Amino acid sequence: MNHIINCENGELTLVEPTAQELAEAEANRIKTEQQDAQIEADKAEALAKKVLAEAKLAALGLTAEDLKALGL
């Protein structure tokens, strides 16, 4: 339901959305869900890379603090 307010007299009118408006809203919802899923996938990938890098450092006997001490 769309709300239209007449600023001159304060009258509120409720209007049903058109089929095109509903389709656009649904397309926007789907796009937003896809973007949110991509953001979550990117976060998971970054975390996986960090864990892998820390495991490689540990295998070499290094820690993240060791790298920081070296300025890396």
Protein backbone atom coordinates (compact mmCIF):
# COMPACT_ATOMS: atom_id res chain seq x y z
CA MET A 1 0.00 0.00 0.00
CA ASN A 2 1.37 3.40 -0.98
CA HIS A 3 0.62 6.45 1.12
CA ILE A 4 0.11 9.77 -0.62
CA ILE A 5 -0.13 12.88 1.55
CA ASN A 6 -1.56 16.09 0.20
CA CYS A 7 0.65 18.76 1.77
CA GLU A 8 -1.91 21.47 1.20
CA ASN A 9 -4.70 19.92 3.25
CA GLY A 10 -2.94 17.02 5.03
CA GLU A 11 -5.23 14.47 3.40
CA LEU A 12 -3.85 10.92 3.34
CA THR A 13 -4.70 8.69 0.40
CA LEU A 14 -3.87 4.97 0.27
CA VAL A 15 -3.16 3.58 -3.20
CA GLU A 16 -2.62 -0.04 -4.21
CA PRO A 17 0.74 -0.62 -5.89
CA THR A 18 0.69 -1.49 -9.58
CA ALA A 19 1.84 -4.85 -10.92
CA GLN A 20 5.00 -3.16 -12.20
CA GLU A 21 5.75 -1.66 -8.77
CA LEU A 22 5.24 -5.05 -7.14
CA ALA A 23 7.53 -6.70 -9.70
CA GLU A 24 10.20 -4.05 -9.14
CA ALA A 25 9.96 -4.47 -5.38
CA GLU A 26 10.35 -8.24 -5.73
CA ALA A 27 13.33 -7.83 -8.08
CA ASN A 28 14.94 -5.43 -5.60
CA ARG A 29 14.32 -7.88 -2.74
CA ILE A 30 15.95 -10.71 -4.69
CA LYS A 31 18.90 -8.50 -5.67
CA THR A 32 19.40 -7.47 -2.04
CA GLU A 33 19.29 -11.09 -0.88
CA GLN A 34 21.90 -12.01 -3.51
CA GLN A 35 24.13 -9.12 -2.44
CA ASP A 36 23.79 -10.11 1.22
CA ALA A 37 24.66 -13.72 0.35
CA GLN A 38 27.73 -12.55 -1.61
CA ILE A 39 28.87 -10.39 1.32
CA GLU A 40 28.55 -13.36 3.67
CA ALA A 41 30.41 -15.62 1.22
CA ASP A 42 33.20 -13.04 0.92
CA LYS A 43 33.47 -12.82 4.72
CA ALA A 44 33.63 -16.61 5.00
CA GLU A 45 36.30 -16.79 2.29
CA ALA A 46 38.39 -14.10 4.00
CA LEU A 47 38.13 -15.93 7.32
CA ALA A 48 39.11 -19.23 5.68
CA LYS A 49 42.15 -17.58 4.09
CA LYS A 50 43.16 -16.08 7.43
CA VAL A 51 42.87 -19.43 9.20
CA LEU A 52 44.88 -21.11 6.43
CA ALA A 53 47.57 -18.43 6.60
CA GLU A 54 47.81 -18.76 10.38
CA ALA A 55 48.10 -22.55 10.02
CA LYS A 56 50.94 -22.10 7.52
CA LEU A 57 52.69 -19.69 9.89
CA ALA A 58 52.28 -22.14 12.75
CA ALA A 59 53.76 -24.92 10.60
CA LEU A 60 56.81 -22.69 10.14
CA GLY A 61 56.92 -21.99 13.86
CA LEU A 62 55.69 -18.40 13.48
CA THR A 63 52.75 -16.51 14.93
CA ALA A 64 50.90 -13.44 13.78
CA GLU A 65 52.68 -11.58 16.58
CA ASP A 66 56.04 -12.64 15.11
CA LEU A 67 55.06 -11.06 11.81
CA LYS A 68 53.92 -7.89 13.54
CA ALA A 69 57.26 -7.71 15.31
CA LEU A 70 58.92 -7.85 11.91
CA GLY A 71 56.66 -5.07 10.64
CA LEU A 72 54.67 -7.31 8.31
